[in-house]
Amino acid sequence: LVNENDLELEGSLNLLPESITVDVSDKNMGDKVLAGDIGLNSGVKASR
């Protein structure tokens, strides 16, 4: 059940990815995909 199709990131433009890939194949019933769990490059973070 997808709540968000994009995520607002902040950081240096040359470090921002063009897309974010999230693998959900090993998820179980009730598992959530949280913005804080997304692996990002150093210097890049989710906006407040």
All heavy atoms as atom14 arrays in JSON, in Angstrom:
{
  "sequence": "LVNENDLELEGSLNLLPESITVDVSDKNMGDKVLAGDIGLNSGVKASR",
  "atom14_mask": [
    [1, 1, 1, 1, 1, 1, 1, 1, 0, 0, 0, 0, 0, 0],
    [1, 1, 1, 1, 1, 1, 1, 0, 0, 0, 0, 0, 0, 0],
    [1, 1, 1, 1, 1, 1, 1, 1, 0, 0, 0, 0, 0, 0],
    [1, 1, 1, 1, 1, 1, 1, 1, 1, 0, 0, 0, 0, 0],
    [1, 1, 1, 1, 1, 1, 1, 1, 0, 0, 0, 0, 0, 0],
    [1, 1, 1, 1, 1, 1, 1, 1, 0, 0, 0, 0, 0, 0],
    [1, 1, 1, 1, 1, 1, 1, 1, 0, 0, 0, 0, 0, 0],
    [1, 1, 1, 1, 1, 1, 1, 1, 1, 0, 0, 0, 0, 0],
    [1, 1, 1, 1, 1, 1, 1, 1, 0, 0, 0, 0, 0, 0],
    [1, 1, 1, 1, 1, 1, 1, 1, 1, 0, 0, 0, 0, 0],
    [1, 1, 1, 1, 0, 0, 0, 0, 0, 0, 0, 0, 0, 0],
    [1, 1, 1, 1, 1, 1, 0, 0, 0, 0, 0, 0, 0, 0],
    [1, 1, 1, 1, 1, 1, 1, 1, 0, 0, 0, 0, 0, 0],
    [1, 1, 1, 1, 1, 1, 1, 1, 0, 0, 0, 0, 0, 0],
    [1, 1, 1, 1, 1, 1, 1, 1, 0, 0, 0, 0, 0, 0],
    [1, 1, 1, 1, 1, 1, 1, 1, 0, 0, 0, 0, 0, 0],
    [1, 1, 1, 1, 1, 1, 1, 0, 0, 0, 0, 0, 0, 0],
    [1, 1, 1, 1, 1, 1, 1, 1, 1, 0, 0, 0, 0, 0],
    [1, 1, 1, 1, 1, 1, 0, 0, 0, 0, 0, 0, 0, 0],
    [1, 1, 1, 1, 1, 1, 1, 1, 0, 0, 0, 0, 0, 0],
    [1, 1, 1, 1, 1, 1, 1, 0, 0, 0, 0, 0, 0, 0],
    [1, 1, 1, 1, 1, 1, 1, 0, 0, 0, 0, 0, 0, 0],
    [1, 1, 1, 1, 1, 1, 1, 1, 0, 0, 0, 0, 0, 0],
    [1, 1, 1, 1, 1, 1, 1, 0, 0, 0, 0, 0, 0, 0],
    [1, 1, 1, 1, 1, 1, 0, 0, 0, 0, 0, 0, 0, 0],
    [1, 1, 1, 1, 1, 1, 1, 1, 0, 0, 0, 0, 0, 0],
    [1, 1, 1, 1, 1, 1, 1, 1, 1, 0, 0, 0, 0, 0],
    [1, 1, 1, 1, 1, 1, 1, 1, 0, 0, 0, 0, 0, 0],
    [1, 1, 1, 1, 1, 1, 1, 1, 0, 0, 0, 0, 0, 0],
    [1, 1, 1, 1, 0, 0, 0, 0, 0, 0, 0, 0, 0, 0],
    [1, 1, 1, 1, 1, 1, 1, 1, 0, 0, 0, 0, 0, 0],
    [1, 1, 1, 1, 1, 1, 1, 1, 1, 0, 0, 0, 0, 0],
    [1, 1, 1, 1, 1, 1, 1, 0, 0, 0, 0, 0, 0, 0],
    [1, 1, 1, 1, 1, 1, 1, 1, 0, 0, 0, 0, 0, 0],
    [1, 1, 1, 1, 1, 0, 0, 0, 0, 0, 0, 0, 0, 0],
    [1, 1, 1, 1, 0, 0, 0, 0, 0, 0, 0, 0, 0, 0],
    [1, 1, 1, 1, 1, 1, 1, 1, 0, 0, 0, 0, 0, 0],
    [1, 1, 1, 1, 1, 1, 1, 1, 0, 0, 0, 0, 0, 0],
    [1, 1, 1, 1, 0, 0, 0, 0, 0, 0, 0, 0, 0, 0],
    [1, 1, 1, 1, 1, 1, 1, 1, 0, 0, 0, 0, 0, 0],
    [1, 1, 1, 1, 1, 1, 1, 1, 0, 0, 0, 0, 0, 0],
    [1, 1, 1, 1, 1, 1, 0, 0, 0, 0, 0, 0, 0, 0],
    [1, 1, 1, 1, 0, 0, 0, 0, 0, 0, 0, 0, 0, 0],
    [1, 1, 1, 1, 1, 1, 1, 0, 0, 0, 0, 0, 0, 0],
    [1, 1, 1, 1, 1, 1, 1, 1, 1, 0, 0, 0, 0, 0],
    [1, 1, 1, 1, 1, 0, 0, 0, 0, 0, 0, 0, 0, 0],
    [1, 1, 1, 1, 1, 1, 0, 0, 0, 0, 0, 0, 0, 0],
    [1, 1, 1, 1, 1, 1, 1, 1, 1, 1, 1, 0, 0, 0]
  ],
  "atom14_positions": [
    [[0.86, -1.18, 0.0], [0.0, 0.0, 0.0], [0.9, 1.23, 0.0], [1.54, 1.55, 1.0], [-0.9, 0.0, 1.23], [-1.93, 1.12, 1.35], [-2.9, 1.07, 0.17], [-2.68, 1.04, 2.67], [0.0, 0.0, 0.0], [0.0, 0.0, 0.0], [0.0, 0.0, 0.0], [0.0, 0.0, 0.0], [0.0, 0.0, 0.0], [0.0, 0.0, 0.0]],
    [[0.99, 1.9, -1.14], [1.92, 3.02, -1.31], [1.26, 4.33, -0.89], [0.2, 4.7, -1.41], [2.39, 3.12, -2.78], [3.29, 4.33, -2.97], [3.13, 1.85, -3.18], [0.0, 0.0, 0.0], [0.0, 0.0, 0.0], [0.0, 0.0, 0.0], [0.0, 0.0, 0.0], [0.0, 0.0, 0.0], [0.0, 0.0, 0.0], [0.0, 0.0, 0.0]],
    [[1.9, 5.02, 0.04], [1.43, 6.33, 0.48], [2.13, 7.47, -0.26], [1.54, 8.52, -0.48], [1.65, 6.51, 1.98], [0.87, 5.51, 2.81], [-0.23, 5.11, 2.44], [1.44, 5.08, 3.92], [0.0, 0.0, 0.0], [0.0, 0.0, 0.0], [0.0, 0.0, 0.0], [0.0, 0.0, 0.0], [0.0, 0.0, 0.0], [0.0, 0.0, 0.0]],
    [[3.39, 7.26, -0.6], [4.19, 8.31, -1.23], [4.96, 7.74, -2.42], [5.59, 6.69, -2.32], [5.2, 8.9, -0.24], [4.58, 9.47, 1.04], [3.8, 10.74, 0.82], [3.98, 11.38, -0.24], [3.01, 11.12, 1.7], [0.0, 0.0, 0.0], [0.0, 0.0, 0.0], [0.0, 0.0, 0.0], [0.0, 0.0, 0.0], [0.0, 0.0, 0.0]],
    [[4.89, 8.46, -3.55], [5.64, 8.05, -4.73], [6.92, 8.84, -4.92], [7.67, 8.61, -5.87], [4.76, 8.19, -5.98], [3.71, 7.1, -6.06], [4.03, 5.92, -6.02], [2.45, 7.5, -6.16], [0.0, 0.0, 0.0], [0.0, 0.0, 0.0], [0.0, 0.0, 0.0], [0.0, 0.0, 0.0], [0.0, 0.0, 0.0], [0.0, 0.0, 0.0]],
    [[7.15, 9.8, -4.03], [8.41, 10.55, -4.08], [8.77, 11.0, -2.69], [7.95, 10.97, -1.76], [8.33, 11.73, -5.05], [7.14, 12.64, -4.79], [6.88, 12.97, -3.62], [6.46, 13.03, -5.75], [0.0, 0.0, 0.0], [0.0, 0.0, 0.0], [0.0, 0.0, 0.0], [0.0, 0.0, 0.0], [0.0, 0.0, 0.0], [0.0, 0.0, 0.0]],
    [[10.01, 11.43, -2.54], [10.53, 11.86, -1.25], [11.35, 13.13, -1.46], [12.19, 13.18, -2.36], [11.42, 10.76, -0.63], [12.08, 11.07, 0.71], [11.04, 11.24, 1.81], [13.05, 9.95, 1.09], [0.0, 0.0, 0.0], [0.0, 0.0, 0.0], [0.0, 0.0, 0.0], [0.0, 0.0, 0.0], [0.0, 0.0, 0.0], [0.0, 0.0, 0.0]],
    [[11.07, 14.14, -0.66], [11.82, 15.4, -0.8], [13.16, 15.28, -0.07], [13.21, 15.04, 1.13], [11.03, 16.57, -0.24], [11.71, 17.92, -0.48], [10.9, 19.1, 0.01], [10.66, 19.17, 1.23], [10.52, 19.94, -0.83], [0.0, 0.0, 0.0], [0.0, 0.0, 0.0], [0.0, 0.0, 0.0], [0.0, 0.0, 0.0], [0.0, 0.0, 0.0]],
    [[14.23, 15.43, -0.84], [15.58, 15.38, -0.29], [16.21, 16.77, -0.35], [15.82, 17.61, -1.17], [16.45, 14.4, -1.08], [15.99, 12.94, -1.15], [17.01, 12.11, -1.93], [15.77, 12.36, 0.23], [0.0, 0.0, 0.0], [0.0, 0.0, 0.0], [0.0, 0.0, 0.0], [0.0, 0.0, 0.0], [0.0, 0.0, 0.0], [0.0, 0.0, 0.0]],
    [[17.18, 16.98, 0.51], [17.94, 18.22, 0.45], [19.42, 17.92, 0.54], [19.85, 16.99, 1.23], [17.5, 19.2, 1.53], [17.6, 18.71, 2.95], [17.13, 19.76, 3.95], [17.89, 20.74, 4.16], [16.02, 19.63, 4.48], [0.0, 0.0, 0.0], [0.0, 0.0, 0.0], [0.0, 0.0, 0.0], [0.0, 0.0, 0.0], [0.0, 0.0, 0.0]],
    [[20.19, 18.72, -0.2], [21.64, 18.53, -0.23], [22.2, 19.15, -1.49], [21.48, 19.79, -2.27], [0.0, 0.0, 0.0], [0.0, 0.0, 0.0], [0.0, 0.0, 0.0], [0.0, 0.0, 0.0], [0.0, 0.0, 0.0], [0.0, 0.0, 0.0], [0.0, 0.0, 0.0], [0.0, 0.0, 0.0], [0.0, 0.0, 0.0], [0.0, 0.0, 0.0]],
    [[23.48, 18.95, -1.7], [24.11, 19.48, -2.9], [23.5, 18.8, -4.13], [23.35, 17.58, -4.16], [25.61, 19.23, -2.85], [26.24, 19.67, -4.01], [0.0, 0.0, 0.0], [0.0, 0.0, 0.0], [0.0, 0.0, 0.0], [0.0, 0.0, 0.0], [0.0, 0.0, 0.0], [0.0, 0.0, 0.0], [0.0, 0.0, 0.0], [0.0, 0.0, 0.0]],
    [[23.18, 19.59, -5.13], [22.49, 19.05, -6.31], [23.26, 17.91, -6.96], [22.67, 16.93, -7.4], [22.25, 20.17, -7.32], [21.54, 19.77, -8.61], [20.16, 19.19, -8.32], [21.43, 20.95, -9.56], [0.0, 0.0, 0.0], [0.0, 0.0, 0.0], [0.0, 0.0, 0.0], [0.0, 0.0, 0.0], [0.0, 0.0, 0.0], [0.0, 0.0, 0.0]],
    [[24.58, 18.03, -7.01], [25.37, 16.98, -7.68], [25.42, 15.68, -6.88], [25.94, 14.69, -7.36], [26.78, 17.48, -8.01], [27.52, 17.99, -6.79], [27.08, 17.79, -5.66], [28.63, 18.66, -7.0], [0.0, 0.0, 0.0], [0.0, 0.0, 0.0], [0.0, 0.0, 0.0], [0.0, 0.0, 0.0], [0.0, 0.0, 0.0], [0.0, 0.0, 0.0]],
    [[24.88, 15.69, -5.66], [24.84, 14.48, -4.85], [23.45, 13.84, -4.83], [23.3, 12.69, -4.43], [25.27, 14.78, -3.41], [26.71, 15.23, -3.19], [26.95, 15.53, -1.71], [27.71, 14.19, -3.69], [0.0, 0.0, 0.0], [0.0, 0.0, 0.0], [0.0, 0.0, 0.0], [0.0, 0.0, 0.0], [0.0, 0.0, 0.0], [0.0, 0.0, 0.0]],
    [[22.44, 14.6, -5.25], [21.07, 14.08, -5.21], [20.85, 13.05, -6.3], [21.2, 13.28, -7.46], [20.06, 15.22, -5.36], [20.02, 16.27, -4.25], [18.94, 17.3, -4.55], [19.75, 15.62, -2.9], [0.0, 0.0, 0.0], [0.0, 0.0, 0.0], [0.0, 0.0, 0.0], [0.0, 0.0, 0.0], [0.0, 0.0, 0.0], [0.0, 0.0, 0.0]],
    [[20.25, 11.9, -5.96], [19.98, 10.87, -6.98], [18.82, 11.28, -7.86], [18.01, 12.14, -7.49], [19.62, 9.64, -6.13], [19.0, 10.23, -4.9], [19.77, 11.49, -4.62], [0.0, 0.0, 0.0], [0.0, 0.0, 0.0], [0.0, 0.0, 0.0], [0.0, 0.0, 0.0], [0.0, 0.0, 0.0], [0.0, 0.0, 0.0], [0.0, 0.0, 0.0]],
    [[18.73, 10.67, -9.03], [17.6, 10.94, -9.92], [16.38, 10.14, -9.51], [15.25, 10.5, -9.83], [17.98, 10.64, -11.36], [19.04, 11.59, -11.9], [19.26, 11.43, -13.4], [18.75, 10.44, -13.97], [19.92, 12.29, -13.98], [0.0, 0.0, 0.0], [0.0, 0.0, 0.0], [0.0, 0.0, 0.0], [0.0, 0.0, 0.0], [0.0, 0.0, 0.0]],
    [[16.6, 9.03, -8.78], [15.5, 8.23, -8.27], [15.99, 7.46, -7.05], [17.19, 7.32, -6.82], [14.97, 7.26, -9.33], [15.98, 6.33, -9.71], [0.0, 0.0, 0.0], [0.0, 0.0, 0.0], [0.0, 0.0, 0.0], [0.0, 0.0, 0.0], [0.0, 0.0, 0.0], [0.0, 0.0, 0.0], [0.0, 0.0, 0.0], [0.0, 0.0, 0.0]],
    [[15.05, 6.96, -6.26], [15.35, 6.16, -5.07], [14.74, 4.78, -5.27], [13.54, 4.66, -5.53], [14.76, 6.8, -3.8], [15.31, 8.22, -3.59], [15.02, 5.93, -2.58], [14.55, 9.0, -2.54], [0.0, 0.0, 0.0], [0.0, 0.0, 0.0], [0.0, 0.0, 0.0], [0.0, 0.0, 0.0], [0.0, 0.0, 0.0], [0.0, 0.0, 0.0]],
    [[15.55, 3.74, -5.16], [15.06, 2.38, -5.31], [14.91, 1.72, -3.94], [15.85, 1.72, -3.14], [16.01, 1.53, -6.18], [16.13, 2.13, -7.47], [15.48, 0.12, -6.34], [0.0, 0.0, 0.0], [0.0, 0.0, 0.0], [0.0, 0.0, 0.0], [0.0, 0.0, 0.0], [0.0, 0.0, 0.0], [0.0, 0.0, 0.0], [0.0, 0.0, 0.0]],
    [[13.72, 1.19, -3.67], [13.43, 0.52, -2.4], [13.02, -0.92, -2.69], [12.05, -1.16, -3.41], [12.31, 1.24, -1.62], [11.99, 0.5, -0.33], [12.69, 2.68, -1.33], [0.0, 0.0, 0.0], [0.0, 0.0, 0.0], [0.0, 0.0, 0.0], [0.0, 0.0, 0.0], [0.0, 0.0, 0.0], [0.0, 0.0, 0.0], [0.0, 0.0, 0.0]],
    [[13.77, -1.88, -2.14], [13.47, -3.3, -2.34], [12.54, -3.77, -1.21], [12.9, -3.73, -0.04], [14.76, -4.11, -2.32], [14.53, -5.58, -2.66], [13.37, -5.97, -2.9], [15.53, -6.34, -2.67], [0.0, 0.0, 0.0], [0.0, 0.0, 0.0], [0.0, 0.0, 0.0], [0.0, 0.0, 0.0], [0.0, 0.0, 0.0], [0.0, 0.0, 0.0]],
    [[11.33, -4.19, -1.57], [10.36, -4.63, -0.57], [10.12, -6.14, -0.62], [9.21, -6.65, 0.03], [9.01, -3.88, -0.76], [9.19, -2.39, -0.56], [8.41, -4.18, -2.13], [0.0, 0.0, 0.0], [0.0, 0.0, 0.0], [0.0, 0.0, 0.0], [0.0, 0.0, 0.0], [0.0, 0.0, 0.0], [0.0, 0.0, 0.0], [0.0, 0.0, 0.0]],
    [[10.93, -6.87, -1.38], [10.69, -8.29, -1.61], [10.76, -9.13, -0.34], [10.12, -10.17, -0.25], [11.69, -8.84, -2.64], [13.02, -8.68, -2.19], [0.0, 0.0, 0.0], [0.0, 0.0, 0.0], [0.0, 0.0, 0.0], [0.0, 0.0, 0.0], [0.0, 0.0, 0.0], [0.0, 0.0, 0.0], [0.0, 0.0, 0.0], [0.0, 0.0, 0.0]],
    [[11.53, -8.68, 0.66], [11.67, -9.45, 1.9], [10.8, -8.93, 3.03], [10.96, -9.33, 4.19], [13.14, -9.48, 2.34], [13.67, -8.08, 2.64], [13.01, -7.09, 2.27], [14.76, -7.98, 3.24], [0.0, 0.0, 0.0], [0.0, 0.0, 0.0], [0.0, 0.0, 0.0], [0.0, 0.0, 0.0], [0.0, 0.0, 0.0], [0.0, 0.0, 0.0]],
    [[9.87, -8.04, 2.71], [9.0, -7.47, 3.74], [7.91, -8.45, 4.14], [7.49, -9.31, 3.36], [8.36, -6.17, 3.24], [9.34, -5.06, 2.91], [10.04, -4.53, 4.14], [10.94, -3.35, 3.8], [11.68, -2.86, 4.98], [0.0, 0.0, 0.0], [0.0, 0.0, 0.0], [0.0, 0.0, 0.0], [0.0, 0.0, 0.0], [0.0, 0.0, 0.0]],
    [[7.45, -8.3, 5.38], [6.4, -9.15, 5.92], [5.15, -8.33, 6.23], [5.17, -7.1, 6.21], [6.88, -9.86, 7.2], [8.07, -10.76, 6.95], [8.04, -11.6, 6.04], [9.13, -10.61, 7.73], [0.0, 0.0, 0.0], [0.0, 0.0, 0.0], [0.0, 0.0, 0.0], [0.0, 0.0, 0.0], [0.0, 0.0, 0.0], [0.0, 0.0, 0.0]],
    [[4.07, -9.02, 6.55], [2.8, -8.39, 6.86], [3.0, -7.33, 7.95], [3.57, -7.6, 9.01], [1.81, -9.46, 7.33], [0.51, -8.92, 7.85], [-0.49, -8.21, 6.55], [-1.95, -7.75, 7.48], [0.0, 0.0, 0.0], [0.0, 0.0, 0.0], [0.0, 0.0, 0.0], [0.0, 0.0, 0.0], [0.0, 0.0, 0.0], [0.0, 0.0, 0.0]],
    [[2.52, -6.12, 7.68], [2.6, -5.05, 8.68], [3.88, -4.22, 8.63], [3.96, -3.18, 9.28], [0.0, 0.0, 0.0], [0.0, 0.0, 0.0], [0.0, 0.0, 0.0], [0.0, 0.0, 0.0], [0.0, 0.0, 0.0], [0.0, 0.0, 0.0], [0.0, 0.0, 0.0], [0.0, 0.0, 0.0], [0.0, 0.0, 0.0], [0.0, 0.0, 0.0]],
    [[4.87, -4.66, 7.86], [6.12, -3.89, 7.75], [5.86, -2.56, 7.06], [5.03, -2.46, 6.15], [7.17, -4.68, 6.96], [7.78, -5.81, 7.77], [7.52, -5.87, 8.99], [8.52, -6.63, 7.18], [0.0, 0.0, 0.0], [0.0, 0.0, 0.0], [0.0, 0.0, 0.0], [0.0, 0.0, 0.0], [0.0, 0.0, 0.0], [0.0, 0.0, 0.0]],
    [[6.61, -1.55, 7.5], [6.46, -0.21, 6.93], [7.77, 0.23, 6.28], [8.85, -0.15, 6.71], [6.08, 0.79, 8.02], [4.77, 0.48, 8.72], [4.51, 1.44, 9.88], [3.22, 1.09, 10.6], [2.98, 1.99, 11.76], [0.0, 0.0, 0.0], [0.0, 0.0, 0.0], [0.0, 0.0, 0.0], [0.0, 0.0, 0.0], [0.0, 0.0, 0.0]],
    [[7.63, 1.01, 5.22], [8.79, 1.64, 4.59], [8.8, 3.09, 5.08], [7.89, 3.86, 4.76], [8.71, 1.59, 3.06], [9.93, 2.28, 2.45], [8.61, 0.15, 2.57], [0.0, 0.0, 0.0], [0.0, 0.0, 0.0], [0.0, 0.0, 0.0], [0.0, 0.0, 0.0], [0.0, 0.0, 0.0], [0.0, 0.0, 0.0], [0.0, 0.0, 0.0]],
    [[9.8, 3.44, 5.87], [9.88, 4.77, 6.47], [10.91, 5.62, 5.75], [11.94, 5.11, 5.28], [10.24, 4.66, 7.95], [9.34, 3.76, 8.82], [9.9, 3.69, 10.23], [7.92, 4.3, 8.83], [0.0, 0.0, 0.0], [0.0, 0.0, 0.0], [0.0, 0.0, 0.0], [0.0, 0.0, 0.0], [0.0, 0.0, 0.0], [0.0, 0.0, 0.0]],
    [[10.65, 6.91, 5.7], [11.6, 7.83, 5.07], [12.96, 7.75, 5.75], [14.01, 7.81, 5.1], [11.06, 9.26, 5.13], [0.0, 0.0, 0.0], [0.0, 0.0, 0.0], [0.0, 0.0, 0.0], [0.0, 0.0, 0.0], [0.0, 0.0, 0.0], [0.0, 0.0, 0.0], [0.0, 0.0, 0.0], [0.0, 0.0, 0.0], [0.0, 0.0, 0.0]],
    [[12.95, 7.57, 7.06], [14.19, 7.5, 7.81], [15.01, 6.25, 7.56], [16.18, 6.19, 7.93], [0.0, 0.0, 0.0], [0.0, 0.0, 0.0], [0.0, 0.0, 0.0], [0.0, 0.0, 0.0], [0.0, 0.0, 0.0], [0.0, 0.0, 0.0], [0.0, 0.0, 0.0], [0.0, 0.0, 0.0], [0.0, 0.0, 0.0], [0.0, 0.0, 0.0]],
    [[14.39, 5.24, 6.94], [15.09, 3.99, 6.67], [15.8, 3.98, 5.31], [16.52, 3.04, 4.99], [14.1, 2.81, 6.71], [13.51, 2.62, 8.1], [14.13, 3.07, 9.08], [12.42, 2.01, 8.19], [0.0, 0.0, 0.0], [0.0, 0.0, 0.0], [0.0, 0.0, 0.0], [0.0, 0.0, 0.0], [0.0, 0.0, 0.0], [0.0, 0.0, 0.0]],
    [[15.56, 5.01, 4.5], [16.16, 5.05, 3.16], [17.65, 5.35, 3.26], [18.06, 6.32, 3.9], [15.47, 6.12, 2.28], [13.96, 5.86, 2.21], [16.09, 6.15, 0.9], [13.59, 4.58, 1.52], [0.0, 0.0, 0.0], [0.0, 0.0, 0.0], [0.0, 0.0, 0.0], [0.0, 0.0, 0.0], [0.0, 0.0, 0.0], [0.0, 0.0, 0.0]],
    [[18.45, 4.51, 2.64], [19.89, 4.73, 2.63], [20.26, 5.84, 1.65], [19.95, 5.75, 0.46], [0.0, 0.0, 0.0], [0.0, 0.0, 0.0], [0.0, 0.0, 0.0], [0.0, 0.0, 0.0], [0.0, 0.0, 0.0], [0.0, 0.0, 0.0], [0.0, 0.0, 0.0], [0.0, 0.0, 0.0], [0.0, 0.0, 0.0], [0.0, 0.0, 0.0]],
    [[20.9, 6.9, 2.15], [21.24, 8.05, 1.32], [22.72, 8.33, 1.38], [23.41, 7.96, 2.35], [20.46, 9.29, 1.79], [18.93, 9.2, 1.73], [18.3, 10.4, 2.42], [18.46, 9.12, 0.28], [0.0, 0.0, 0.0], [0.0, 0.0, 0.0], [0.0, 0.0, 0.0], [0.0, 0.0, 0.0], [0.0, 0.0, 0.0], [0.0, 0.0, 0.0]],
    [[23.22, 8.99, 0.34], [24.63, 9.38, 0.32], [24.93, 10.38, 1.43], [24.05, 11.12, 1.88], [24.99, 10.02, -1.03], [24.9, 9.04, -2.18], [25.11, 7.84, -2.0], [24.58, 9.52, -3.37], [0.0, 0.0, 0.0], [0.0, 0.0, 0.0], [0.0, 0.0, 0.0], [0.0, 0.0, 0.0], [0.0, 0.0, 0.0], [0.0, 0.0, 0.0]],
    [[26.18, 10.41, 1.85], [26.61, 11.4, 2.83], [26.38, 12.79, 2.25], [26.7, 13.07, 1.1], [28.09, 11.19, 3.15], [28.55, 12.18, 4.05], [0.0, 0.0, 0.0], [0.0, 0.0, 0.0], [0.0, 0.0, 0.0], [0.0, 0.0, 0.0], [0.0, 0.0, 0.0], [0.0, 0.0, 0.0], [0.0, 0.0, 0.0], [0.0, 0.0, 0.0]],
    [[25.82, 13.67, 3.07], [25.54, 15.02, 2.6], [24.15, 15.2, 2.05], [23.77, 16.3, 1.66], [0.0, 0.0, 0.0], [0.0, 0.0, 0.0], [0.0, 0.0, 0.0], [0.0, 0.0, 0.0], [0.0, 0.0, 0.0], [0.0, 0.0, 0.0], [0.0, 0.0, 0.0], [0.0, 0.0, 0.0], [0.0, 0.0, 0.0], [0.0, 0.0, 0.0]],
    [[23.38, 14.1, 2.0], [22.0, 14.14, 1.51], [21.09, 13.62, 2.61], [21.39, 12.62, 3.27], [21.83, 13.29, 0.24], [20.37, 13.26, -0.2], [22.71, 13.81, -0.87], [0.0, 0.0, 0.0], [0.0, 0.0, 0.0], [0.0, 0.0, 0.0], [0.0, 0.0, 0.0], [0.0, 0.0, 0.0], [0.0, 0.0, 0.0], [0.0, 0.0, 0.0]],
    [[19.96, 14.28, 2.82], [19.01, 13.84, 3.84], [17.59, 14.18, 3.4], [17.38, 15.02, 2.52], [19.31, 14.5, 5.19], [19.17, 16.01, 5.18], [19.48, 16.6, 6.56], [19.32, 18.13, 6.56], [19.6, 18.72, 7.89], [0.0, 0.0, 0.0], [0.0, 0.0, 0.0], [0.0, 0.0, 0.0], [0.0, 0.0, 0.0], [0.0, 0.0, 0.0]],
    [[16.64, 13.51, 4.04], [15.24, 13.83, 3.78], [14.95, 15.2, 4.38], [15.47, 15.55, 5.44], [14.33, 12.77, 4.38], [0.0, 0.0, 0.0], [0.0, 0.0, 0.0], [0.0, 0.0, 0.0], [0.0, 0.0, 0.0], [0.0, 0.0, 0.0], [0.0, 0.0, 0.0], [0.0, 0.0, 0.0], [0.0, 0.0, 0.0], [0.0, 0.0, 0.0]],
    [[14.11, 15.97, 3.71], [13.76, 17.28, 4.24], [12.98, 17.12, 5.54], [12.41, 16.07, 5.81], [12.92, 18.06, 3.22], [11.64, 17.46, 3.07], [0.0, 0.0, 0.0], [0.0, 0.0, 0.0], [0.0, 0.0, 0.0], [0.0, 0.0, 0.0], [0.0, 0.0, 0.0], [0.0, 0.0, 0.0], [0.0, 0.0, 0.0], [0.0, 0.0, 0.0]],
    [[12.95, 18.18, 6.31], [12.23, 18.12, 7.59], [10.76, 17.8, 7.37], [10.13, 17.12, 8.19], [12.38, 19.46, 8.32], [11.69, 19.51, 9.68], [12.06, 20.76, 10.45], [13.48, 20.78, 10.77], [14.05, 21.76, 11.48], [13.34, 22.78, 11.91], [15.35, 21.72, 11.74], [0.0, 0.0, 0.0], [0.0, 0.0, 0.0], [0.0, 0.0, 0.0]]
  ]
}
